[in-house]
Amino acid sequence: MINILEIDNFLSSIDDNSLLIDARTPDEYSESHIKDAINLYALTNKEREEVGTLYKKCAFDAKRLGASYIAKNVSYHLQNFLSTITPETKIFIYCARGGQRSGGIATILDSIGYRVYKLRGGYKSYRRYVLDYLENFKQDNFIVLDGLTGSGKSIILREFEKAIDLEKLANHLGSSFGAINGTQPSQKQFQNSIYDELQRTKDFDFVLVEGESKKIGKLHIPNHFYKKILKAPRIWIDSPIEDRVQRVLKEYEKIDEKFFEDAMQKISPYIEKKYALKAKKAFYSNNKKECVKILLQKYYDRVYKHRGNYDTIITYNDTKEVINKIEKFAKLAICN
């Protein structure tokens, strides 16, 4: 028997002995999906388009064609990926709206003998659940890290379990040079990832986040979360310029000429021409250390200068030492 679950029960029932299947097309899955779901599509991108076009002419013919495609694709999945999945595995499945695509796969898997759990309302219900959570969650134990570019905030967040690294989730370093790691996720997937991180950290005594602008690259931090960040206790991370230069060099060691020129064009209104020319000369002379130093002092430090009031200032010399200082501050600021 196929078990049809509401979104909250669906998510809470998934455990280590579960398989989560996204039955939508590869394109739909690529745009955004539930964490840890694998894409075992009922219809390919092309097949879904074909069935949709036919449906406008004749619903019966479209359903028959769709069923034949689903049977073909499930056969492929059974012979390949699902061939190693035992009957003890609980299978959770969803499609866009919890209709025929997930229903078709679920029916076949159930008839074989798998334990199948289907999401009522499909991925659409999951998105409603996530958006509602992001606009209403009660978690209020954030500590914000601020500091000049290269001060080590990202390193601290990566090394600390009780942290949400928004730049990592957005796949962007949050500046004109920030797209160094490639394509960003969709806004939907960014929201999903923030929801997942809030769930992971909700029982911690405090959670570190970096002080960000509302926008990271092309992505927007959810309003409710952003307001909480603005109101949270703040730590300014201080670091000598030479240490900052070395950290930035590590972050941007794979930068190429085209990326550099595009980024320099973006910042051209905000940096004096003579310093932009000096930075370019240093870059093309392979003196990237000097290039980074110029950009930090003559662009970043002026545009992203020390803003507002901070509850404490911590100098970053050693990662373990600075984390210990952050924990001591958090106990006073939140935990007590």
C-alpha atoms as a PDB file:
ATOM      1  CA  MET A   1       0.000   0.000   0.000  1.00  0.00           C
ATOM      2  CA  ILE A   2       1.258   3.467  -0.909  1.00  0.00           C
ATOM      3  CA  ASN A   3       1.386   5.760   2.115  1.00  0.00           C
ATOM      4  CA  ILE A   4       0.464   9.355   1.275  1.00  0.00           C
ATOM      5  CA  LEU A   5       1.941  11.822   3.763  1.00  0.00           C
ATOM      6  CA  GLU A   6       1.556  15.529   4.443  1.00  0.00           C
ATOM      7  CA  ILE A   7       4.756  17.553   4.125  1.00  0.00           C
ATOM      8  CA  ASP A   8       5.684  17.691   7.825  1.00  0.00           C
ATOM      9  CA  ASN A   9       5.247  13.931   8.314  1.00  0.00           C
ATOM     10  CA  PHE A  10       6.948  13.238   5.005  1.00  0.00           C
ATOM     11  CA  LEU A  11      10.108  15.122   5.996  1.00  0.00           C
ATOM     12  CA  SER A  12      10.209  13.860   9.576  1.00  0.00           C
ATOM     13  CA  SER A  13       9.812  10.216   8.464  1.00  0.00           C
ATOM     14  CA  ILE A  14      12.918  10.173   6.265  1.00  0.00           C
ATOM     15  CA  ASP A  15      15.823   8.467   8.022  1.00  0.00           C
ATOM     16  CA  ASP A  16      19.160   6.807   7.213  1.00  0.00           C
ATOM     17  CA  ASN A  17      17.378   3.746   5.817  1.00  0.00           C
ATOM     18  CA  SER A  18      15.459   5.786   3.257  1.00  0.00           C
ATOM     19  CA  LEU A  19      15.699   6.686  -0.402  1.00  0.00           C
ATOM     20  CA  LEU A  20      14.258  10.026  -1.498  1.00  0.00           C
ATOM     21  CA  ILE A  21      13.210  10.169  -5.158  1.00  0.00           C
ATOM     22  CA  ASP A  22      12.463  13.307  -7.147  1.00  0.00           C
ATOM     23  CA  ALA A  23      10.304  12.094 -10.048  1.00  0.00           C
ATOM     24  CA  ARG A  24      10.314  15.399 -11.930  1.00  0.00           C
ATOM     25  CA  THR A  25      12.319  16.116 -15.071  1.00  0.00           C
ATOM     26  CA  PRO A  26      16.086  16.682 -14.902  1.00  0.00           C
ATOM     27  CA  ASP A  27      15.525  20.393 -15.603  1.00  0.00           C
ATOM     28  CA  GLU A  28      13.044  20.754 -12.744  1.00  0.00           C
ATOM     29  CA  TYR A  29      15.374  18.877 -10.415  1.00  0.00           C
ATOM     30  CA  SER A  30      18.364  20.970 -11.495  1.00  0.00           C
ATOM     31  CA  GLU A  31      16.558  24.204 -10.681  1.00  0.00           C
ATOM     32  CA  SER A  32      15.783  23.120  -7.107  1.00  0.00           C
ATOM     33  CA  HIS A  33      14.941  20.018  -5.087  1.00  0.00           C
ATOM     34  CA  ILE A  34      14.631  18.617  -1.576  1.00  0.00           C
ATOM     35  CA  LYS A  35      17.937  17.913   0.138  1.00  0.00           C
ATOM     36  CA  ASP A  36      19.404  14.429  -0.552  1.00  0.00           C
ATOM     37  CA  ALA A  37      16.805  13.632  -3.241  1.00  0.00           C
ATOM     38  CA  ILE A  38      18.006  11.773  -6.326  1.00  0.00           C
ATOM     39  CA  ASN A  39      16.443  12.395  -9.710  1.00  0.00           C
ATOM     40  CA  LEU A  40      14.742   9.253 -11.018  1.00  0.00           C
ATOM     41  CA  TYR A  41      12.554  11.042 -13.549  1.00  0.00           C
ATOM     42  CA  ALA A  42       9.177   9.791 -14.689  1.00  0.00           C
ATOM     43  CA  LEU A  43       9.507  11.821 -17.884  1.00  0.00           C
ATOM     44  CA  THR A  44      12.544  13.393 -19.514  1.00  0.00           C
ATOM     45  CA  ASN A  45      12.490  17.103 -20.351  1.00  0.00           C
ATOM     46  CA  LYS A  46      11.572  16.355 -23.968  1.00  0.00           C
ATOM     47  CA  GLU A  47       8.955  13.751 -23.063  1.00  0.00           C
ATOM     48  CA  ARG A  48       7.210  16.090 -20.637  1.00  0.00           C
ATOM     49  CA  GLU A  49       7.029  18.786 -23.296  1.00  0.00           C
ATOM     50  CA  GLU A  50       5.664  16.295 -25.820  1.00  0.00           C
ATOM     51  CA  VAL A  51       3.001  14.996 -23.430  1.00  0.00           C
ATOM     52  CA  GLY A  52       2.000  18.530 -22.448  1.00  0.00           C
ATOM     53  CA  THR A  53       1.568  19.579 -26.076  1.00  0.00           C
ATOM     54  CA  LEU A  54      -0.536  16.495 -26.833  1.00  0.00           C
ATOM     55  CA  TYR A  55      -2.673  17.071 -23.715  1.00  0.00           C
ATOM     56  CA  LYS A  56      -4.013  20.311 -25.219  1.00  0.00           C
ATOM     57  CA  LYS A  57      -5.367  18.268 -28.135  1.00  0.00           C
ATOM     58  CA  CYS A  58      -6.465  15.048 -26.435  1.00  0.00           C
ATOM     59  CA  ALA A  59      -6.131  14.294 -22.721  1.00  0.00           C
ATOM     60  CA  PHE A  60      -6.630  10.545 -23.185  1.00  0.00           C
ATOM     61  CA  ASP A  61      -3.896  10.221 -25.794  1.00  0.00           C
ATOM     62  CA  ALA A  62      -1.553  12.325 -23.677  1.00  0.00           C
ATOM     63  CA  LYS A  63      -2.122  10.136 -20.599  1.00  0.00           C
ATOM     64  CA  ARG A  64      -1.540   6.987 -22.629  1.00  0.00           C
ATOM     65  CA  LEU A  65       1.686   8.386 -24.075  1.00  0.00           C
ATOM     66  CA  GLY A  66       2.790   9.588 -20.651  1.00  0.00           C
ATOM     67  CA  ALA A  67       2.133   6.189 -19.115  1.00  0.00           C
ATOM     68  CA  SER A  68       4.208   4.475 -21.789  1.00  0.00           C
ATOM     69  CA  TYR A  69       7.108   6.844 -21.142  1.00  0.00           C
ATOM     70  CA  ILE A  70       6.852   6.361 -17.374  1.00  0.00           C
ATOM     71  CA  ALA A  71       6.886   2.566 -17.796  1.00  0.00           C
ATOM     72  CA  LYS A  72       9.954   2.820 -20.027  1.00  0.00           C
ATOM     73  CA  ASN A  73      11.807   5.112 -17.630  1.00  0.00           C
ATOM     74  CA  VAL A  74      10.924   3.097 -14.535  1.00  0.00           C
ATOM     75  CA  SER A  75      12.209  -0.006 -16.329  1.00  0.00           C
ATOM     76  CA  TYR A  76      15.509   1.779 -16.894  1.00  0.00           C
ATOM     77  CA  HIS A  77      15.730   2.926 -13.259  1.00  0.00           C
ATOM     78  CA  LEU A  78      14.906  -0.558 -11.962  1.00  0.00           C
ATOM     79  CA  GLN A  79      17.611  -2.180 -14.058  1.00  0.00           C
ATOM     80  CA  ASN A  80      20.207   0.396 -13.097  1.00  0.00           C
ATOM     81  CA  PHE A  81      20.028   2.379  -9.869  1.00  0.00           C
ATOM     82  CA  LEU A  82      17.174   0.557  -8.126  1.00  0.00           C
ATOM     83  CA  SER A  83      18.683  -2.863  -8.765  1.00  0.00           C
ATOM     84  CA  THR A  84      20.688  -2.524  -5.526  1.00  0.00           C
ATOM     85  CA  ILE A  85      17.829  -1.193  -3.369  1.00  0.00           C
ATOM     86  CA  THR A  86      16.438  -3.817  -0.972  1.00  0.00           C
ATOM     87  CA  PRO A  87      12.793  -4.132   0.176  1.00  0.00           C
ATOM     88  CA  GLU A  88      13.878  -2.943   3.636  1.00  0.00           C
ATOM     89  CA  THR A  89      14.607   0.484   2.222  1.00  0.00           C
ATOM     90  CA  LYS A  90      11.830   3.010   2.710  1.00  0.00           C
ATOM     91  CA  ILE A  91      11.217   4.891  -0.533  1.00  0.00           C
ATOM     92  CA  PHE A  92       9.934   8.450  -0.396  1.00  0.00           C
ATOM     93  CA  ILE A  93       8.834  10.029  -3.651  1.00  0.00           C
ATOM     94  CA  TYR A  94       7.493  13.323  -4.951  1.00  0.00           C
ATOM     95  CA  CYS A  95       6.823  15.064  -8.245  1.00  0.00           C
ATOM     96  CA  ALA A  96       5.658  18.608  -8.957  1.00  0.00           C
ATOM     97  CA  ARG A  97       2.164  18.375  -7.454  1.00  0.00           C
ATOM     98  CA  GLY A  98       1.950  14.810  -6.168  1.00  0.00           C
ATOM     99  CA  GLY A  99       0.073  13.614  -9.220  1.00  0.00           C
ATOM    100  CA  GLN A 100       0.582  11.121 -12.008  1.00  0.00           C
ATOM    101  CA  ARG A 101       4.348  11.182 -12.316  1.00  0.00           C
ATOM    102  CA  SER A 102       5.150  10.240  -8.713  1.00  0.00           C
ATOM    103  CA  GLY A 103       1.950   8.159  -8.622  1.00  0.00           C
ATOM    104  CA  GLY A 104       2.985   6.118 -11.644  1.00  0.00           C
ATOM    105  CA  ILE A 105       6.417   5.276 -10.232  1.00  0.00           C
ATOM    106  CA  ALA A 106       5.008   4.684  -6.739  1.00  0.00           C
ATOM    107  CA  THR A 107       2.404   2.227  -8.046  1.00  0.00           C
ATOM    108  CA  ILE A 108       5.047   0.134  -9.811  1.00  0.00           C
ATOM    109  CA  LEU A 109       7.421   0.142  -6.835  1.00  0.00           C
ATOM    110  CA  ASP A 110       4.605  -0.718  -4.431  1.00  0.00           C
ATOM    111  CA  SER A 111       3.488  -3.652  -6.608  1.00  0.00           C
ATOM    112  CA  ILE A 112       7.047  -5.012  -6.519  1.00  0.00           C
ATOM    113  CA  GLY A 113       7.082  -4.961  -2.721  1.00  0.00           C
ATOM    114  CA  TYR A 114       8.844  -1.749  -1.747  1.00  0.00           C
ATOM    115  CA  ARG A 115       7.608   0.396   1.136  1.00  0.00           C
ATOM    116  CA  VAL A 116       6.573   3.586  -0.635  1.00  0.00           C
ATOM    117  CA  TYR A 117       5.697   6.983   0.848  1.00  0.00           C
ATOM    118  CA  LYS A 118       4.325   9.659  -1.457  1.00  0.00           C
ATOM    119  CA  LEU A 119       4.231  13.393  -0.735  1.00  0.00           C
ATOM    120  CA  ARG A 120       0.754  14.881  -0.898  1.00  0.00           C
ATOM    121  CA  GLY A 121       0.871  18.030  -2.998  1.00  0.00           C
ATOM    122  CA  GLY A 122       4.361  17.213  -4.278  1.00  0.00           C
ATOM    123  CA  TYR A 123       7.266  19.618  -4.467  1.00  0.00           C
ATOM    124  CA  LYS A 124       4.842  22.534  -4.541  1.00  0.00           C
ATOM    125  CA  SER A 125       3.754  21.704  -0.981  1.00  0.00           C
ATOM    126  CA  TYR A 126       7.408  21.484   0.085  1.00  0.00           C
ATOM    127  CA  ARG A 127       8.115  24.963  -1.323  1.00  0.00           C
ATOM    128  CA  ARG A 128       5.098  26.418   0.510  1.00  0.00           C
ATOM    129  CA  TYR A 129       6.376  24.785   3.702  1.00  0.00           C
ATOM    130  CA  VAL A 130       9.894  26.202   3.246  1.00  0.00           C
ATOM    131  CA  LEU A 131       8.728  29.712   2.421  1.00  0.00           C
ATOM    132  CA  ASP A 132       6.359  29.766   5.369  1.00  0.00           C
ATOM    133  CA  TYR A 133       9.137  28.576   7.668  1.00  0.00           C
ATOM    134  CA  LEU A 134      11.606  31.180   6.394  1.00  0.00           C
ATOM    135  CA  GLU A 135       9.144  33.989   7.054  1.00  0.00           C
ATOM    136  CA  ASN A 136       8.061  32.804  10.509  1.00  0.00           C
ATOM    137  CA  PHE A 137      10.822  30.803  12.225  1.00  0.00           C
ATOM    138  CA  LYS A 138      11.474  31.661  15.876  1.00  0.00           C
ATOM    139  CA  GLN A 139      15.202  30.882  16.075  1.00  0.00           C
ATOM    140  CA  ASP A 140      16.887  33.990  17.453  1.00  0.00           C
ATOM    141  CA  ASN A 141      20.350  32.973  18.626  1.00  0.00           C
ATOM    142  CA  PHE A 142      22.576  34.428  15.926  1.00  0.00           C
ATOM    143  CA  ILE A 143      26.004  36.026  16.334  1.00  0.00           C
ATOM    144  CA  VAL A 144      27.212  38.095  13.378  1.00  0.00           C
ATOM    145  CA  LEU A 145      30.813  38.223  12.171  1.00  0.00           C
ATOM    146  CA  ASP A 146      31.853  41.425  10.438  1.00  0.00           C
ATOM    147  CA  GLY A 147      35.220  42.601   9.210  1.00  0.00           C
ATOM    148  CA  LEU A 148      37.115  43.860   6.211  1.00  0.00           C
ATOM    149  CA  THR A 149      37.622  41.647   3.157  1.00  0.00           C
ATOM    150  CA  GLY A 150      40.175  38.916   3.888  1.00  0.00           C
ATOM    151  CA  SER A 151      39.895  39.201   7.664  1.00  0.00           C
ATOM    152  CA  GLY A 152      39.182  35.472   7.936  1.00  0.00           C
ATOM    153  CA  LYS A 153      35.433  35.364   8.508  1.00  0.00           C
ATOM    154  CA  SER A 154      34.889  32.596   5.930  1.00  0.00           C
ATOM    155  CA  ILE A 155      37.636  30.453   7.446  1.00  0.00           C
ATOM    156  CA  ILE A 156      36.049  30.767  10.877  1.00  0.00           C
ATOM    157  CA  LEU A 157      32.628  29.791   9.533  1.00  0.00           C
ATOM    158  CA  ARG A 158      34.051  26.761   7.706  1.00  0.00           C
ATOM    159  CA  GLU A 159      35.878  25.545  10.799  1.00  0.00           C
ATOM    160  CA  PHE A 160      32.971  26.024  13.194  1.00  0.00           C
ATOM    161  CA  GLU A 161      30.066  23.562  13.337  1.00  0.00           C
ATOM    162  CA  LYS A 162      27.658  26.069  14.847  1.00  0.00           C
ATOM    163  CA  ALA A 163      27.663  28.319  11.785  1.00  0.00           C
ATOM    164  CA  ILE A 164      25.655  29.045   8.645  1.00  0.00           C
ATOM    165  CA  ASP A 165      27.921  29.994   5.740  1.00  0.00           C
ATOM    166  CA  LEU A 166      25.624  32.011   3.484  1.00  0.00           C
ATOM    167  CA  GLU A 167      28.337  32.673   0.904  1.00  0.00           C
ATOM    168  CA  LYS A 168      28.974  28.949   0.583  1.00  0.00           C
ATOM    169  CA  LEU A 169      25.255  28.279   0.131  1.00  0.00           C
ATOM    170  CA  ALA A 170      25.101  31.040  -2.494  1.00  0.00           C
ATOM    171  CA  ASN A 171      28.353  29.852  -4.151  1.00  0.00           C
ATOM    172  CA  HIS A 172      29.527  33.454  -4.207  1.00  0.00           C
ATOM    173  CA  LEU A 173      32.051  35.455  -2.178  1.00  0.00           C
ATOM    174  CA  GLY A 174      29.772  38.460  -1.974  1.00  0.00           C
ATOM    175  CA  SER A 175      31.686  41.045  -4.011  1.00  0.00           C
ATOM    176  CA  SER A 176      32.388  42.126  -7.598  1.00  0.00           C
ATOM    177  CA  PHE A 177      35.048  39.388  -7.700  1.00  0.00           C
ATOM    178  CA  GLY A 178      32.792  36.974  -5.820  1.00  0.00           C
ATOM    179  CA  ALA A 179      31.680  34.751  -8.715  1.00  0.00           C
ATOM    180  CA  ILE A 180      35.055  32.993  -8.838  1.00  0.00           C
ATOM    181  CA  ASN A 181      33.534  29.575  -8.023  1.00  0.00           C
ATOM    182  CA  GLY A 182      31.149  29.561 -10.988  1.00  0.00           C
ATOM    183  CA  THR A 183      27.382  29.389 -11.341  1.00  0.00           C
ATOM    184  CA  GLN A 184      25.155  30.215  -8.401  1.00  0.00           C
ATOM    185  CA  PRO A 185      22.172  28.039  -7.458  1.00  0.00           C
ATOM    186  CA  SER A 186      18.647  29.243  -8.177  1.00  0.00           C
ATOM    187  CA  GLN A 187      16.895  31.468  -5.642  1.00  0.00           C
ATOM    188  CA  LYS A 188      14.626  28.522  -4.804  1.00  0.00           C
ATOM    189  CA  GLN A 189      17.563  26.217  -4.069  1.00  0.00           C
ATOM    190  CA  PHE A 190      19.259  28.945  -2.021  1.00  0.00           C
ATOM    191  CA  GLN A 191      16.102  29.237   0.092  1.00  0.00           C
ATOM    192  CA  ASN A 192      15.922  25.448   0.447  1.00  0.00           C
ATOM    193  CA  SER A 193      19.547  25.347   1.621  1.00  0.00           C
ATOM    194  CA  ILE A 194      18.982  28.085   4.189  1.00  0.00           C
ATOM    195  CA  TYR A 195      15.960  26.165   5.491  1.00  0.00           C
ATOM    196  CA  ASP A 196      18.112  23.012   5.795  1.00  0.00           C
ATOM    197  CA  GLU A 197      20.817  24.913   7.691  1.00  0.00           C
ATOM    198  CA  LEU A 198      18.298  26.479  10.046  1.00  0.00           C
ATOM    199  CA  GLN A 199      16.949  23.003  10.785  1.00  0.00           C
ATOM    200  CA  ARG A 200      20.484  21.693  11.395  1.00  0.00           C
ATOM    201  CA  THR A 201      21.365  24.498  13.808  1.00  0.00           C
ATOM    202  CA  LYS A 202      18.043  25.159  15.541  1.00  0.00           C
ATOM    203  CA  ASP A 203      19.038  23.404  18.794  1.00  0.00           C
ATOM    204  CA  PHE A 204      22.495  24.991  19.099  1.00  0.00           C
ATOM    205  CA  ASP A 205      23.073  27.523  21.871  1.00  0.00           C
ATOM    206  CA  PHE A 206      24.196  30.070  19.257  1.00  0.00           C
ATOM    207  CA  VAL A 207      24.868  30.215  15.517  1.00  0.00           C
ATOM    208  CA  LEU A 208      27.494  32.248  13.668  1.00  0.00           C
ATOM    209  CA  VAL A 209      26.605  34.021  10.434  1.00  0.00           C
ATOM    210  CA  GLU A 210      28.555  36.531   8.396  1.00  0.00           C
ATOM    211  CA  GLY A 211      27.334  40.094   8.138  1.00  0.00           C
ATOM    212  CA  GLU A 212      26.107  40.272   4.547  1.00  0.00           C
ATOM    213  CA  SER A 213      24.305  42.757   2.394  1.00  0.00           C
ATOM    214  CA  LYS A 214      20.757  41.730   1.466  1.00  0.00           C
ATOM    215  CA  LYS A 215      22.057  40.364  -1.835  1.00  0.00           C
ATOM    216  CA  ILE A 216      24.839  37.818  -2.399  1.00  0.00           C
ATOM    217  CA  GLY A 217      25.622  37.865  -6.089  1.00  0.00           C
ATOM    218  CA  LYS A 218      22.232  37.434  -7.759  1.00  0.00           C
ATOM    219  CA  LEU A 219      20.589  35.850  -4.715  1.00  0.00           C
ATOM    220  CA  HIS A 220      18.555  37.487  -1.944  1.00  0.00           C
ATOM    221  CA  ILE A 221      18.655  36.528   1.726  1.00  0.00           C
ATOM    222  CA  PRO A 222      15.068  35.909   2.973  1.00  0.00           C
ATOM    223  CA  ASN A 223      13.625  39.019   4.643  1.00  0.00           C
ATOM    224  CA  HIS A 224      12.835  37.500   8.039  1.00  0.00           C
ATOM    225  CA  PHE A 225      16.302  35.964   8.339  1.00  0.00           C
ATOM    226  CA  TYR A 226      17.996  39.164   7.204  1.00  0.00           C
ATOM    227  CA  LYS A 227      16.153  41.211   9.823  1.00  0.00           C
ATOM    228  CA  LYS A 228      17.331  38.800  12.524  1.00  0.00           C
ATOM    229  CA  ILE A 229      20.921  39.177  11.290  1.00  0.00           C
ATOM    230  CA  LEU A 230      20.668  42.970  11.506  1.00  0.00           C
ATOM    231  CA  LYS A 231      19.466  42.800  15.129  1.00  0.00           C
ATOM    232  CA  ALA A 232      21.968  40.157  16.311  1.00  0.00           C
ATOM    233  CA  PRO A 233      25.051  40.830  18.491  1.00  0.00           C
ATOM    234  CA  ARG A 234      28.030  41.678  16.284  1.00  0.00           C
ATOM    235  CA  ILE A 235      31.729  40.840  16.371  1.00  0.00           C
ATOM    236  CA  TRP A 236      34.268  42.775  14.330  1.00  0.00           C
ATOM    237  CA  ILE A 237      37.094  40.486  13.170  1.00  0.00           C
ATOM    238  CA  ASP A 238      40.310  42.487  12.841  1.00  0.00           C
ATOM    239  CA  SER A 239      43.344  41.279  10.913  1.00  0.00           C
ATOM    240  CA  PRO A 240      46.640  42.792   9.649  1.00  0.00           C
ATOM    241  CA  ILE A 241      46.736  43.748   5.973  1.00  0.00           C
ATOM    242  CA  GLU A 242      49.459  41.209   5.099  1.00  0.00           C
ATOM    243  CA  ASP A 243      47.399  38.342   6.532  1.00  0.00           C
ATOM    244  CA  ARG A 244      44.354  39.582   4.639  1.00  0.00           C
ATOM    245  CA  VAL A 245      46.324  39.681   1.389  1.00  0.00           C
ATOM    246  CA  GLN A 246      47.461  36.069   1.846  1.00  0.00           C
ATOM    247  CA  ARG A 247      43.923  34.854   2.532  1.00  0.00           C
ATOM    248  CA  VAL A 248      42.531  36.620  -0.529  1.00  0.00           C
ATOM    249  CA  LEU A 249      45.323  35.201  -2.686  1.00  0.00           C
ATOM    250  CA  LYS A 250      44.276  31.688  -1.657  1.00  0.00           C
ATOM    251  CA  GLU A 251      40.623  32.404  -2.439  1.00  0.00           C
ATOM    252  CA  TYR A 252      41.375  33.845  -5.866  1.00  0.00           C
ATOM    253  CA  GLU A 253      44.404  31.806  -6.961  1.00  0.00           C
ATOM    254  CA  LYS A 254      42.560  30.396 -10.003  1.00  0.00           C
ATOM    255  CA  ILE A 255      41.438  33.776 -11.370  1.00  0.00           C
ATOM    256  CA  ASP A 256      41.990  34.248 -15.124  1.00  0.00           C
ATOM    257  CA  GLU A 257      42.426  37.369 -17.231  1.00  0.00           C
ATOM    258  CA  LYS A 258      38.851  37.547 -18.524  1.00  0.00           C
ATOM    259  CA  PHE A 259      37.378  37.219 -15.049  1.00  0.00           C
ATOM    260  CA  PHE A 260      39.783  39.867 -13.755  1.00  0.00           C
ATOM    261  CA  GLU A 261      38.921  42.338 -16.518  1.00  0.00           C
ATOM    262  CA  ASP A 262      35.168  41.805 -16.088  1.00  0.00           C
ATOM    263  CA  ALA A 263      35.429  42.386 -12.326  1.00  0.00           C
ATOM    264  CA  MET A 264      37.624  45.451 -12.775  1.00  0.00           C
ATOM    265  CA  GLN A 265      35.026  46.878 -15.132  1.00  0.00           C
ATOM    266  CA  LYS A 266      32.335  46.410 -12.473  1.00  0.00           C
ATOM    267  CA  ILE A 267      34.316  48.269  -9.815  1.00  0.00           C
ATOM    268  CA  SER A 268      35.592  51.030 -12.123  1.00  0.00           C
ATOM    269  CA  PRO A 269      33.098  53.648 -10.810  1.00  0.00           C
ATOM    270  CA  TYR A 270      34.277  53.042  -7.234  1.00  0.00           C
ATOM    271  CA  ILE A 271      38.084  53.051  -7.515  1.00  0.00           C
ATOM    272  CA  GLU A 272      40.339  55.904  -8.591  1.00  0.00           C
ATOM    273  CA  LYS A 273      41.632  55.379 -12.110  1.00  0.00           C
ATOM    274  CA  LYS A 274      45.303  55.567 -11.071  1.00  0.00           C
ATOM    275  CA  TYR A 275      44.831  52.734  -8.565  1.00  0.00           C
ATOM    276  CA  ALA A 276      42.876  50.640 -11.047  1.00  0.00           C
ATOM    277  CA  LEU A 277      45.764  51.013 -13.517  1.00  0.00           C
ATOM    278  CA  LYS A 278      48.292  50.074 -10.818  1.00  0.00           C
ATOM    279  CA  ALA A 279      46.255  46.980  -9.916  1.00  0.00           C
ATOM    280  CA  LYS A 280      46.100  45.925 -13.570  1.00  0.00           C
ATOM    281  CA  LYS A 281      49.828  46.478 -14.037  1.00  0.00           C
ATOM    282  CA  ALA A 282      50.580  44.334 -10.983  1.00  0.00           C
ATOM    283  CA  PHE A 283      48.185  41.585 -12.146  1.00  0.00           C
ATOM    284  CA  TYR A 284      49.689  41.352 -15.640  1.00  0.00           C
ATOM    285  CA  SER A 285      53.203  41.448 -14.198  1.00  0.00           C
ATOM    286  CA  ASN A 286      52.225  38.366 -12.192  1.00  0.00           C
ATOM    287  CA  ASN A 287      52.597  40.349  -8.967  1.00  0.00           C
ATOM    288  CA  LYS A 288      49.221  39.276  -7.654  1.00  0.00           C
ATOM    289  CA  LYS A 289      50.178  40.003  -4.078  1.00  0.00           C
ATOM    290  CA  GLU A 290      50.600  43.700  -4.925  1.00  0.00           C
ATOM    291  CA  CYS A 291      47.422  43.628  -7.006  1.00  0.00           C
ATOM    292  CA  VAL A 292      45.393  42.265  -4.092  1.00  0.00           C
ATOM    293  CA  LYS A 293      46.907  44.770  -1.668  1.00  0.00           C
ATOM    294  CA  ILE A 294      45.963  47.683  -3.931  1.00  0.00           C
ATOM    295  CA  LEU A 295      42.415  46.419  -4.384  1.00  0.00           C
ATOM    296  CA  LEU A 296      41.963  45.840  -0.647  1.00  0.00           C
ATOM    297  CA  GLN A 297      43.227  49.263   0.416  1.00  0.00           C
ATOM    298  CA  LYS A 298      41.950  51.381  -2.439  1.00  0.00           C
ATOM    299  CA  TYR A 299      38.642  49.665  -3.197  1.00  0.00           C
ATOM    300  CA  TYR A 300      37.359  47.136  -0.667  1.00  0.00           C
ATOM    301  CA  ASP A 301      38.360  48.993   2.503  1.00  0.00           C
ATOM    302  CA  ARG A 302      36.748  52.174   1.235  1.00  0.00           C
ATOM    303  CA  VAL A 303      33.543  50.614  -0.096  1.00  0.00           C
ATOM    304  CA  TYR A 304      33.113  48.068   2.723  1.00  0.00           C
ATOM    305  CA  LYS A 305      34.539  50.200   5.513  1.00  0.00           C
ATOM    306  CA  HIS A 306      33.926  49.727   9.271  1.00  0.00           C
ATOM    307  CA  ARG A 307      30.200  50.289   9.702  1.00  0.00           C
ATOM    308  CA  GLY A 308      28.065  50.788  12.786  1.00  0.00           C
ATOM    309  CA  ASN A 309      28.680  49.722  16.362  1.00  0.00           C
ATOM    310  CA  TYR A 310      30.064  46.353  17.405  1.00  0.00           C
ATOM    311  CA  ASP A 311      29.747  44.527  20.671  1.00  0.00           C
ATOM    312  CA  THR A 312      33.359  43.376  20.618  1.00  0.00           C
ATOM    313  CA  ILE A 313      36.467  43.345  18.422  1.00  0.00           C
ATOM    314  CA  ILE A 314      38.558  40.189  18.058  1.00  0.00           C
ATOM    315  CA  THR A 315      41.957  40.156  16.361  1.00  0.00           C
ATOM    316  CA  TYR A 316      42.412  37.077  14.179  1.00  0.00           C
ATOM    317  CA  ASN A 317      45.819  35.464  14.646  1.00  0.00           C
ATOM    318  CA  ASP A 318      44.928  31.807  15.162  1.00  0.00           C
ATOM    319  CA  THR A 319      41.686  30.056  14.162  1.00  0.00           C
ATOM    320  CA  LYS A 320      41.319  27.979  17.329  1.00  0.00           C
ATOM    321  CA  GLU A 321      42.058  30.985  19.518  1.00  0.00           C
ATOM    322  CA  VAL A 322      39.551  33.239  17.764  1.00  0.00           C
ATOM    323  CA  ILE A 323      36.829  30.548  17.961  1.00  0.00           C
ATOM    324  CA  ASN A 324      37.422  30.244  21.710  1.00  0.00           C
ATOM    325  CA  LYS A 325      37.008  34.013  22.061  1.00  0.00           C
ATOM    326  CA  ILE A 326      33.815  33.909  19.988  1.00  0.00           C
ATOM    327  CA  GLU A 327      32.374  31.169  22.218  1.00  0.00           C
ATOM    328  CA  LYS A 328      33.168  33.161  25.365  1.00  0.00           C
ATOM    329  CA  PHE A 329      31.490  36.226  23.869  1.00  0.00           C
ATOM    330  CA  ALA A 330      28.435  34.219  22.787  1.00  0.00           C
ATOM    331  CA  LYS A 331      27.913  32.829  26.280  1.00  0.00           C
ATOM    332  CA  LEU A 332      27.694  36.363  27.608  1.00  0.00           C
ATOM    333  CA  ALA A 333      25.692  37.790  24.702  1.00  0.00           C
ATOM    334  CA  ILE A 334      23.121  34.998  24.208  1.00  0.00           C
ATOM    335  CA  CYS A 335      23.605  31.882  26.284  1.00  0.00           C
ATOM    336  CA  ASN A 336      23.097  33.656  29.596  1.00  0.00           C
END
